[in-house]
Amino acid sequence: MMLFLLHKCLNKHSIKDNIIQHIKENNQLQLNSQAMLIIKQCWVKFAICSKAVFAESIFDNNYVRLDVMLQNLSIDLLKVFLEEFSNLPNLHVLCHLSEHA
């Protein structure tokens, strides 16, 4: 459902051209649609991680899965917000969230 909403609501007109160009340059992309796909992937991964983090109960094998999901989310966030997120301690905290849950 979330992906459907993202495809309908998040398009090239929703984001300023300079942001798209910046993402393309940082990730060596050729097309605007590739930059938009990275942004949408971030939103999807964020939603999946949020669901996992706020689950009513988490079992041992879910911690490993959560850790992998959070690492993937961190990587994708840096693809979109390289300068803004690269030195943030909060992004580093995501790597250790599953250890302290």
PDB file of N, CA and C in Angstrom:
ATOM      1  N   MET A   1       0.822  -1.192   0.000  1.00  0.00           N
ATOM      2  CA  MET A   1       0.000   0.000   0.000  1.00  0.00           C
ATOM      3  C   MET A   1       0.868   1.258   0.000  1.00  0.00           C
ATOM      4  N   MET A   2       1.898   1.243   0.839  1.00  0.00           N
ATOM      5  CA  MET A   2       2.771   2.415   0.936  1.00  0.00           C
ATOM      6  C   MET A   2       3.447   2.712  -0.402  1.00  0.00           C
ATOM      7  N   LEU A   3       3.907   1.675  -1.075  1.00  0.00           N
ATOM      8  CA  LEU A   3       4.573   1.872  -2.360  1.00  0.00           C
ATOM      9  C   LEU A   3       3.614   2.477  -3.373  1.00  0.00           C
ATOM     10  N   PHE A   4       2.369   2.029  -3.373  1.00  0.00           N
ATOM     11  CA  PHE A   4       1.354   2.588  -4.263  1.00  0.00           C
ATOM     12  C   PHE A   4       1.175   4.076  -3.992  1.00  0.00           C
ATOM     13  N   LEU A   5       1.061   4.442  -2.716  1.00  0.00           N
ATOM     14  CA  LEU A   5       0.897   5.854  -2.360  1.00  0.00           C
ATOM     15  C   LEU A   5       2.117   6.677  -2.747  1.00  0.00           C
ATOM     16  N   LEU A   6       3.293   6.102  -2.557  1.00  0.00           N
ATOM     17  CA  LEU A   6       4.507   6.822  -2.936  1.00  0.00           C
ATOM     18  C   LEU A   6       4.559   7.079  -4.434  1.00  0.00           C
ATOM     19  N   HIS A   7       4.200   6.072  -5.222  1.00  0.00           N
ATOM     20  CA  HIS A   7       4.211   6.246  -6.678  1.00  0.00           C
ATOM     21  C   HIS A   7       3.195   7.294  -7.122  1.00  0.00           C
ATOM     22  N   LYS A   8       2.062   7.354  -6.432  1.00  0.00           N
ATOM     23  CA  LYS A   8       1.032   8.326  -6.795  1.00  0.00           C
ATOM     24  C   LYS A   8       1.374   9.742  -6.329  1.00  0.00           C
ATOM     25  N   CYS A   9       1.936   9.857  -5.135  1.00  0.00           N
ATOM     26  CA  CYS A   9       2.123  11.173  -4.518  1.00  0.00           C
ATOM     27  C   CYS A   9       3.521  11.757  -4.690  1.00  0.00           C
ATOM     28  N   LEU A  10       4.515  10.904  -4.759  1.00  0.00           N
ATOM     29  CA  LEU A  10       5.888  11.392  -4.837  1.00  0.00           C
ATOM     30  C   LEU A  10       6.378  11.270  -6.273  1.00  0.00           C
ATOM     31  N   ASN A  11       6.451  12.398  -6.947  1.00  0.00           N
ATOM     32  CA  ASN A  11       6.926  12.396  -8.330  1.00  0.00           C
ATOM     33  C   ASN A  11       7.933  13.515  -8.519  1.00  0.00           C
ATOM     34  N   LYS A  12       8.417  13.665  -9.737  1.00  0.00           N
ATOM     35  CA  LYS A  12       9.480  14.647  -9.983  1.00  0.00           C
ATOM     36  C   LYS A  12       9.037  16.080  -9.707  1.00  0.00           C
ATOM     37  N   HIS A  13       7.741  16.326  -9.695  1.00  0.00           N
ATOM     38  CA  HIS A  13       7.244  17.670  -9.406  1.00  0.00           C
ATOM     39  C   HIS A  13       7.194  17.939  -7.902  1.00  0.00           C
ATOM     40  N   SER A  14       7.313  16.891  -7.086  1.00  0.00           N
ATOM     41  CA  SER A  14       7.256  17.029  -5.632  1.00  0.00           C
ATOM     42  C   SER A  14       8.585  17.470  -5.037  1.00  0.00           C
ATOM     43  N   ILE A  15       9.655  17.290  -5.790  1.00  0.00           N
ATOM     44  CA  ILE A  15      10.997  17.552  -5.272  1.00  0.00           C
ATOM     45  C   ILE A  15      11.693  18.549  -6.192  1.00  0.00           C
ATOM     46  N   LYS A  16      12.391  19.487  -5.602  1.00  0.00           N
ATOM     47  CA  LYS A  16      13.079  20.514  -6.379  1.00  0.00           C
ATOM     48  C   LYS A  16      14.140  19.887  -7.281  1.00  0.00           C
ATOM     49  N   ASP A  17      14.324  20.488  -8.446  1.00  0.00           N
ATOM     50  CA  ASP A  17      15.280  19.966  -9.429  1.00  0.00           C
ATOM     51  C   ASP A  17      16.702  19.910  -8.892  1.00  0.00           C
ATOM     52  N   ASN A  18      17.094  20.909  -8.095  1.00  0.00           N
ATOM     53  CA  ASN A  18      18.469  20.901  -7.584  1.00  0.00           C
ATOM     54  C   ASN A  18      18.712  19.737  -6.621  1.00  0.00           C
ATOM     55  N   ILE A  19      17.683  19.309  -5.909  1.00  0.00           N
ATOM     56  CA  ILE A  19      17.811  18.149  -5.016  1.00  0.00           C
ATOM     57  C   ILE A  19      18.005  16.885  -5.846  1.00  0.00           C
ATOM     58  N   ILE A  20      17.217  16.744  -6.899  1.00  0.00           N
ATOM     59  CA  ILE A  20      17.347  15.577  -7.787  1.00  0.00           C
ATOM     60  C   ILE A  20      18.737  15.556  -8.411  1.00  0.00           C
ATOM     61  N   GLN A  21      19.204  16.709  -8.875  1.00  0.00           N
ATOM     62  CA  GLN A  21      20.537  16.778  -9.487  1.00  0.00           C
ATOM     63  C   GLN A  21      21.620  16.416  -8.480  1.00  0.00           C
ATOM     64  N   HIS A  22      21.451  16.872  -7.263  1.00  0.00           N
ATOM     65  CA  HIS A  22      22.414  16.586  -6.199  1.00  0.00           C
ATOM     66  C   HIS A  22      22.489  15.082  -5.922  1.00  0.00           C
ATOM     67  N   ILE A  23      21.339  14.438  -5.846  1.00  0.00           N
ATOM     68  CA  ILE A  23      21.294  12.988  -5.621  1.00  0.00           C
ATOM     69  C   ILE A  23      21.925  12.259  -6.803  1.00  0.00           C
ATOM     70  N   LYS A  24      21.634  12.723  -8.007  1.00  0.00           N
ATOM     71  CA  LYS A  24      22.222  12.089  -9.204  1.00  0.00           C
ATOM     72  C   LYS A  24      23.742  12.199  -9.197  1.00  0.00           C
ATOM     73  N   GLU A  25      24.254  13.357  -8.837  1.00  0.00           N
ATOM     74  CA  GLU A  25      25.709  13.554  -8.805  1.00  0.00           C
ATOM     75  C   GLU A  25      26.367  12.693  -7.733  1.00  0.00           C
ATOM     76  N   ASN A  26      25.776  12.653  -6.543  1.00  0.00           N
ATOM     77  CA  ASN A  26      26.362  11.887  -5.435  1.00  0.00           C
ATOM     78  C   ASN A  26      26.372  10.388  -5.686  1.00  0.00           C
ATOM     79  N   ASN A  27      25.435   9.909  -6.499  1.00  0.00           N
ATOM     80  CA  ASN A  27      25.298   8.470  -6.719  1.00  0.00           C
ATOM     81  C   ASN A  27      25.628   8.051  -8.147  1.00  0.00           C
ATOM     82  N   GLN A  28      26.208   8.941  -8.925  1.00  0.00           N
ATOM     83  CA  GLN A  28      26.568   8.681 -10.321  1.00  0.00           C
ATOM     84  C   GLN A  28      25.395   8.106 -11.114  1.00  0.00           C
ATOM     85  N   LEU A  29      24.262   8.773 -11.053  1.00  0.00           N
ATOM     86  CA  LEU A  29      23.062   8.339 -11.765  1.00  0.00           C
ATOM     87  C   LEU A  29      22.892   9.166 -13.030  1.00  0.00           C
ATOM     88  N   GLN A  30      22.219   8.593 -14.004  1.00  0.00           N
ATOM     89  CA  GLN A  30      21.987   9.281 -15.269  1.00  0.00           C
ATOM     90  C   GLN A  30      20.592   9.906 -15.354  1.00  0.00           C
ATOM     91  N   LEU A  31      19.612   9.227 -14.787  1.00  0.00           N
ATOM     92  CA  LEU A  31      18.221   9.626 -14.974  1.00  0.00           C
ATOM     93  C   LEU A  31      17.595  10.166 -13.690  1.00  0.00           C
ATOM     94  N   ASN A  32      16.670  11.110 -13.869  1.00  0.00           N
ATOM     95  CA  ASN A  32      15.915  11.622 -12.723  1.00  0.00           C
ATOM     96  C   ASN A  32      15.105  10.512 -12.062  1.00  0.00           C
ATOM     97  N   SER A  33      14.606   9.598 -12.865  1.00  0.00           N
ATOM     98  CA  SER A  33      13.793   8.507 -12.314  1.00  0.00           C
ATOM     99  C   SER A  33      14.608   7.615 -11.386  1.00  0.00           C
ATOM    100  N   GLN A  34      15.905   7.497 -11.629  1.00  0.00           N
ATOM    101  CA  GLN A  34      16.762   6.713 -10.738  1.00  0.00           C
ATOM    102  C   GLN A  34      16.881   7.394  -9.375  1.00  0.00           C
ATOM    103  N   ALA A  35      16.999   8.708  -9.379  1.00  0.00           N
ATOM    104  CA  ALA A  35      17.066   9.456  -8.122  1.00  0.00           C
ATOM    105  C   ALA A  35      15.744   9.347  -7.368  1.00  0.00           C
ATOM    106  N   MET A  36      14.640   9.433  -8.090  1.00  0.00           N
ATOM    107  CA  MET A  36      13.328   9.289  -7.454  1.00  0.00           C
ATOM    108  C   MET A  36      13.160   7.896  -6.859  1.00  0.00           C
ATOM    109  N   LEU A  37      13.676   6.887  -7.534  1.00  0.00           N
ATOM    110  CA  LEU A  37      13.582   5.520  -7.025  1.00  0.00           C
ATOM    111  C   LEU A  37      14.346   5.371  -5.710  1.00  0.00           C
ATOM    112  N   ILE A  38      15.501   6.000  -5.606  1.00  0.00           N
ATOM    113  CA  ILE A  38      16.271   5.948  -4.358  1.00  0.00           C
ATOM    114  C   ILE A  38      15.481   6.596  -3.221  1.00  0.00           C
ATOM    115  N   ILE A  39      14.842   7.723  -3.500  1.00  0.00           N
ATOM    116  CA  ILE A  39      14.036   8.402  -2.481  1.00  0.00           C
ATOM    117  C   ILE A  39      12.874   7.511  -2.045  1.00  0.00           C
ATOM    118  N   LYS A  40      12.203   6.901  -2.999  1.00  0.00           N
ATOM    119  CA  LYS A  40      11.077   6.019  -2.675  1.00  0.00           C
ATOM    120  C   LYS A  40      11.544   4.806  -1.885  1.00  0.00           C
ATOM    121  N   GLN A  41      12.695   4.264  -2.240  1.00  0.00           N
ATOM    122  CA  GLN A  41      13.228   3.120  -1.500  1.00  0.00           C
ATOM    123  C   GLN A  41      13.506   3.495  -0.047  1.00  0.00           C
ATOM    124  N   CYS A  42      13.994   4.709   0.172  1.00  0.00           N
ATOM    125  CA  CYS A  42      14.217   5.178   1.549  1.00  0.00           C
ATOM    126  C   CYS A  42      12.914   5.192   2.333  1.00  0.00           C
ATOM    127  N   TRP A  43      11.866   5.721   1.727  1.00  0.00           N
ATOM    128  CA  TRP A  43      10.579   5.778   2.408  1.00  0.00           C
ATOM    129  C   TRP A  43      10.051   4.385   2.717  1.00  0.00           C
ATOM    130  N   VAL A  44      10.186   3.474   1.770  1.00  0.00           N
ATOM    131  CA  VAL A  44       9.700   2.107   1.980  1.00  0.00           C
ATOM    132  C   VAL A  44      10.489   1.435   3.097  1.00  0.00           C
ATOM    133  N   LYS A  45      11.809   1.555   3.054  1.00  0.00           N
ATOM    134  CA  LYS A  45      12.639   0.933   4.093  1.00  0.00           C
ATOM    135  C   LYS A  45      12.374   1.560   5.457  1.00  0.00           C
ATOM    136  N   PHE A  46      12.135   2.863   5.478  1.00  0.00           N
ATOM    137  CA  PHE A  46      11.807   3.528   6.737  1.00  0.00           C
ATOM    138  C   PHE A  46      10.496   2.982   7.310  1.00  0.00           C
ATOM    139  N   ALA A  47       9.509   2.795   6.457  1.00  0.00           N
ATOM    140  CA  ALA A  47       8.222   2.264   6.908  1.00  0.00           C
ATOM    141  C   ALA A  47       8.371   0.845   7.440  1.00  0.00           C
ATOM    142  N   ILE A  48       9.139   0.023   6.745  1.00  0.00           N
ATOM    143  CA  ILE A  48       9.348  -1.360   7.181  1.00  0.00           C
ATOM    144  C   ILE A  48      10.091  -1.393   8.513  1.00  0.00           C
ATOM    145  N   CYS A  49      11.114  -0.557   8.645  1.00  0.00           N
ATOM    146  CA  CYS A  49      11.865  -0.495   9.908  1.00  0.00           C
ATOM    147  C   CYS A  49      10.987   0.008  11.046  1.00  0.00           C
ATOM    148  N   SER A  50      10.169   1.001  10.776  1.00  0.00           N
ATOM    149  CA  SER A  50       9.275   1.534  11.808  1.00  0.00           C
ATOM    150  C   SER A  50       8.308   0.467  12.292  1.00  0.00           C
ATOM    151  N   LYS A  51       7.776  -0.296  11.366  1.00  0.00           N
ATOM    152  CA  LYS A  51       6.863  -1.377  11.749  1.00  0.00           C
ATOM    153  C   LYS A  51       7.580  -2.392  12.631  1.00  0.00           C
ATOM    154  N   ALA A  52       8.811  -2.737  12.263  1.00  0.00           N
ATOM    155  CA  ALA A  52       9.569  -3.728  13.037  1.00  0.00           C
ATOM    156  C   ALA A  52       9.953  -3.191  14.416  1.00  0.00           C
ATOM    157  N   VAL A  53      10.367  -1.935  14.487  1.00  0.00           N
ATOM    158  CA  VAL A  53      10.793  -1.346  15.756  1.00  0.00           C
ATOM    159  C   VAL A  53       9.627  -1.243  16.734  1.00  0.00           C
ATOM    160  N   PHE A  54       8.459  -0.894  16.242  1.00  0.00           N
ATOM    161  CA  PHE A  54       7.308  -0.700  17.117  1.00  0.00           C
ATOM    162  C   PHE A  54       6.398  -1.921  17.196  1.00  0.00           C
ATOM    163  N   ALA A  55       6.911  -3.074  16.813  1.00  0.00           N
ATOM    164  CA  ALA A  55       6.130  -4.308  16.931  1.00  0.00           C
ATOM    165  C   ALA A  55       5.853  -4.595  18.403  1.00  0.00           C
ATOM    166  N   GLU A  56       4.740  -5.242  18.653  1.00  0.00           N
ATOM    167  CA  GLU A  56       4.352  -5.536  20.031  1.00  0.00           C
ATOM    168  C   GLU A  56       5.346  -6.461  20.719  1.00  0.00           C
ATOM    169  N   SER A  57       5.837  -7.443  19.980  1.00  0.00           N
ATOM    170  CA  SER A  57       6.835  -8.358  20.541  1.00  0.00           C
ATOM    171  C   SER A  57       7.908  -8.637  19.490  1.00  0.00           C
ATOM    172  N   ILE A  58       9.136  -8.734  19.959  1.00  0.00           N
ATOM    173  CA  ILE A  58      10.269  -9.000  19.074  1.00  0.00           C
ATOM    174  C   ILE A  58      10.990 -10.228  19.608  1.00  0.00           C
ATOM    175  N   PHE A  59      11.241 -11.171  18.727  1.00  0.00           N
ATOM    176  CA  PHE A  59      11.935 -12.397  19.104  1.00  0.00           C
ATOM    177  C   PHE A  59      13.399 -12.310  18.687  1.00  0.00           C
ATOM    178  N   ASP A  60      14.203 -13.249  19.152  1.00  0.00           N
ATOM    179  CA  ASP A  60      15.649 -13.217  18.902  1.00  0.00           C
ATOM    180  C   ASP A  60      15.999 -13.117  17.422  1.00  0.00           C
ATOM    181  N   ASN A  61      15.350 -13.911  16.574  1.00  0.00           N
ATOM    182  CA  ASN A  61      15.686 -13.867  15.153  1.00  0.00           C
ATOM    183  C   ASN A  61      15.255 -12.553  14.507  1.00  0.00           C
ATOM    184  N   ASN A  62      14.285 -11.864  15.113  1.00  0.00           N
ATOM    185  CA  ASN A  62      13.860 -10.568  14.586  1.00  0.00           C
ATOM    186  C   ASN A  62      14.909  -9.487  14.825  1.00  0.00           C
ATOM    187  N   TYR A  63      15.711  -9.641  15.872  1.00  0.00           N
ATOM    188  CA  TYR A  63      16.761  -8.657  16.136  1.00  0.00           C
ATOM    189  C   TYR A  63      17.797  -8.653  15.022  1.00  0.00           C
ATOM    190  N   VAL A  64      18.135  -9.822  14.542  1.00  0.00           N
ATOM    191  CA  VAL A  64      19.110  -9.918  13.448  1.00  0.00           C
ATOM    192  C   VAL A  64      18.529  -9.274  12.195  1.00  0.00           C
ATOM    193  N   ARG A  65      17.273  -9.596  11.910  1.00  0.00           N
ATOM    194  CA  ARG A  65      16.610  -9.013  10.739  1.00  0.00           C
ATOM    195  C   ARG A  65      16.488  -7.498  10.879  1.00  0.00           C
ATOM    196  N   LEU A  66      16.145  -7.033  12.069  1.00  0.00           N
ATOM    197  CA  LEU A  66      16.029  -5.602  12.326  1.00  0.00           C
ATOM    198  C   LEU A  66      17.371  -4.910  12.141  1.00  0.00           C
ATOM    199  N   ASP A  67      18.429  -5.527  12.613  1.00  0.00           N
ATOM    200  CA  ASP A  67      19.765  -4.965  12.464  1.00  0.00           C
ATOM    201  C   ASP A  67      20.127  -4.795  10.990  1.00  0.00           C
ATOM    202  N   VAL A  68      19.849  -5.798  10.183  1.00  0.00           N
ATOM    203  CA  VAL A  68      20.135  -5.728   8.744  1.00  0.00           C
ATOM    204  C   VAL A  68      19.285  -4.642   8.084  1.00  0.00           C
ATOM    205  N   MET A  69      18.008  -4.577   8.452  1.00  0.00           N
ATOM    206  CA  MET A  69      17.130  -3.558   7.874  1.00  0.00           C
ATOM    207  C   MET A  69      17.600  -2.149   8.228  1.00  0.00           C
ATOM    208  N   LEU A  70      18.020  -1.941   9.468  1.00  0.00           N
ATOM    209  CA  LEU A  70      18.484  -0.616   9.887  1.00  0.00           C
ATOM    210  C   LEU A  70      19.786  -0.233   9.197  1.00  0.00           C
ATOM    211  N   GLN A  71      20.660  -1.192   8.987  1.00  0.00           N
ATOM    212  CA  GLN A  71      21.896  -0.911   8.250  1.00  0.00           C
ATOM    213  C   GLN A  71      21.584  -0.529   6.807  1.00  0.00           C
ATOM    214  N   ASN A  72      20.656  -1.253   6.177  1.00  0.00           N
ATOM    215  CA  ASN A  72      20.265  -0.927   4.803  1.00  0.00           C
ATOM    216  C   ASN A  72      19.606   0.443   4.725  1.00  0.00           C
ATOM    217  N   LEU A  73      18.788   0.766   5.715  1.00  0.00           N
ATOM    218  CA  LEU A  73      18.161   2.083   5.753  1.00  0.00           C
ATOM    219  C   LEU A  73      19.221   3.171   5.884  1.00  0.00           C
ATOM    220  N   SER A  74      20.197   2.964   6.739  1.00  0.00           N
ATOM    221  CA  SER A  74      21.272   3.951   6.918  1.00  0.00           C
ATOM    222  C   SER A  74      22.027   4.180   5.617  1.00  0.00           C
ATOM    223  N   ILE A  75      22.313   3.111   4.908  1.00  0.00           N
ATOM    224  CA  ILE A  75      23.021   3.222   3.623  1.00  0.00           C
ATOM    225  C   ILE A  75      22.191   4.027   2.633  1.00  0.00           C
ATOM    226  N   ASP A  76      20.897   3.729   2.550  1.00  0.00           N
ATOM    227  CA  ASP A  76      20.039   4.448   1.609  1.00  0.00           C
ATOM    228  C   ASP A  76      19.841   5.907   2.010  1.00  0.00           C
ATOM    229  N   LEU A  77      19.741   6.177   3.309  1.00  0.00           N
ATOM    230  CA  LEU A  77      19.618   7.570   3.749  1.00  0.00           C
ATOM    231  C   LEU A  77      20.851   8.379   3.359  1.00  0.00           C
ATOM    232  N   LEU A  78      22.009   7.758   3.442  1.00  0.00           N
ATOM    233  CA  LEU A  78      23.234   8.460   3.048  1.00  0.00           C
ATOM    234  C   LEU A  78      23.295   8.687   1.541  1.00  0.00           C
ATOM    235  N   LYS A  79      22.626   7.857   0.765  1.00  0.00           N
ATOM    236  CA  LYS A  79      22.563   8.079  -0.683  1.00  0.00           C
ATOM    237  C   LYS A  79      21.756   9.327  -1.003  1.00  0.00           C
ATOM    238  N   VAL A  80      20.757   9.610  -0.183  1.00  0.00           N
ATOM    239  CA  VAL A  80      19.896  10.766  -0.426  1.00  0.00           C
ATOM    240  C   VAL A  80      20.419  12.010   0.288  1.00  0.00           C
ATOM    241  N   PHE A  81      20.844  11.855   1.537  1.00  0.00           N
ATOM    242  CA  PHE A  81      21.243  12.996   2.365  1.00  0.00           C
ATOM    243  C   PHE A  81      22.701  12.871   2.799  1.00  0.00           C
ATOM    244  N   LEU A  82      23.609  12.769   1.878  1.00  0.00           N
ATOM    245  CA  LEU A  82      25.009  12.507   2.208  1.00  0.00           C
ATOM    246  C   LEU A  82      25.593  13.559   3.146  1.00  0.00           C
ATOM    247  N   GLU A  83      25.551  14.822   2.763  1.00  0.00           N
ATOM    248  CA  GLU A  83      26.157  15.872   3.589  1.00  0.00           C
ATOM    249  C   GLU A  83      25.390  16.083   4.888  1.00  0.00           C
ATOM    250  N   GLU A  84      24.071  15.974   4.822  1.00  0.00           N
ATOM    251  CA  GLU A  84      23.243  16.266   5.987  1.00  0.00           C
ATOM    252  C   GLU A  84      23.339  15.183   7.061  1.00  0.00           C
ATOM    253  N   PHE A  85      23.495  13.915   6.657  1.00  0.00           N
ATOM    254  CA  PHE A  85      23.426  12.810   7.610  1.00  0.00           C
ATOM    255  C   PHE A  85      24.765  12.171   7.933  1.00  0.00           C
ATOM    256  N   SER A  86      25.797  12.439   7.173  1.00  0.00           N
ATOM    257  CA  SER A  86      27.041  11.677   7.326  1.00  0.00           C
ATOM    258  C   SER A  86      27.680  11.828   8.703  1.00  0.00           C
ATOM    259  N   ASN A  87      27.518  12.964   9.360  1.00  0.00           N
ATOM    260  CA  ASN A  87      28.137  13.166  10.672  1.00  0.00           C
ATOM    261  C   ASN A  87      27.131  13.193  11.822  1.00  0.00           C
ATOM    262  N   LEU A  88      25.913  12.780  11.561  1.00  0.00           N
ATOM    263  CA  LEU A  88      24.902  12.805  12.618  1.00  0.00           C
ATOM    264  C   LEU A  88      25.049  11.612  13.548  1.00  0.00           C
ATOM    265  N   PRO A  89      25.096  11.858  14.837  1.00  0.00           N
ATOM    266  CA  PRO A  89      25.181  10.728  15.770  1.00  0.00           C
ATOM    267  C   PRO A  89      23.916   9.874  15.753  1.00  0.00           C
ATOM    268  N   ASN A  90      22.760  10.466  15.423  1.00  0.00           N
ATOM    269  CA  ASN A  90      21.515   9.695  15.398  1.00  0.00           C
ATOM    270  C   ASN A  90      21.559   8.588  14.361  1.00  0.00           C
ATOM    271  N   LEU A  91      22.208   8.832  13.243  1.00  0.00           N
ATOM    272  CA  LEU A  91      22.313   7.798  12.216  1.00  0.00           C
ATOM    273  C   LEU A  91      23.200   6.664  12.709  1.00  0.00           C
ATOM    274  N   HIS A  92      24.226   7.011  13.446  1.00  0.00           N
ATOM    275  CA  HIS A  92      25.095   5.984  14.019  1.00  0.00           C
ATOM    276  C   HIS A  92      24.349   5.172  15.077  1.00  0.00           C
ATOM    277  N   VAL A  93      23.462   5.827  15.800  1.00  0.00           N
ATOM    278  CA  VAL A  93      22.680   5.143  16.832  1.00  0.00           C
ATOM    279  C   VAL A  93      21.801   4.059  16.211  1.00  0.00           C
ATOM    280  N   LEU A  94      21.320   4.276  14.995  1.00  0.00           N
ATOM    281  CA  LEU A  94      20.506   3.259  14.325  1.00  0.00           C
ATOM    282  C   LEU A  94      21.234   1.924  14.226  1.00  0.00           C
ATOM    283  N   CYS A  95      22.542   1.978  14.058  1.00  0.00           N
ATOM    284  CA  CYS A  95      23.328   0.747  13.938  1.00  0.00           C
ATOM    285  C   CYS A  95      23.279  -0.071  15.220  1.00  0.00           C
ATOM    286  N   HIS A  96      23.064   0.582  16.351  1.00  0.00           N
ATOM    287  CA  HIS A  96      23.096  -0.104  17.641  1.00  0.00           C
ATOM    288  C   HIS A  96      21.713  -0.279  18.268  1.00  0.00           C
ATOM    289  N   LEU A  97      20.678   0.136  17.560  1.00  0.00           N
ATOM    290  CA  LEU A  97      19.333   0.083  18.120  1.00  0.00           C
ATOM    291  C   LEU A  97      18.915  -1.331  18.492  1.00  0.00           C
ATOM    292  N   SER A  98      19.184  -2.283  17.625  1.00  0.00           N
ATOM    293  CA  SER A  98      18.738  -3.657  17.901  1.00  0.00           C
ATOM    294  C   SER A  98      19.492  -4.273  19.078  1.00  0.00           C
ATOM    295  N   GLU A  99      20.692  -3.782  19.374  1.00  0.00           N
ATOM    296  CA  GLU A  99      21.457  -4.308  20.507  1.00  0.00           C
ATOM    297  C   GLU A  99      20.833  -3.923  21.844  1.00  0.00           C
ATOM    298  N   HIS A 100      20.144  -2.787  21.874  1.00  0.00           N
ATOM    299  CA  HIS A 100      19.612  -2.266  23.129  1.00  0.00           C
ATOM    300  C   HIS A 100      18.103  -2.410  23.248  1.00  0.00           C
ATOM    301  N   ALA A 101      17.505  -3.054  22.285  1.00  0.00           N
ATOM    302  CA  ALA A 101      16.035  -3.214  22.310  1.00  0.00           C
ATOM    303  C   ALA A 101      15.629  -4.291  23.292  1.00  0.00           C
TER     304      ALA A 101
END
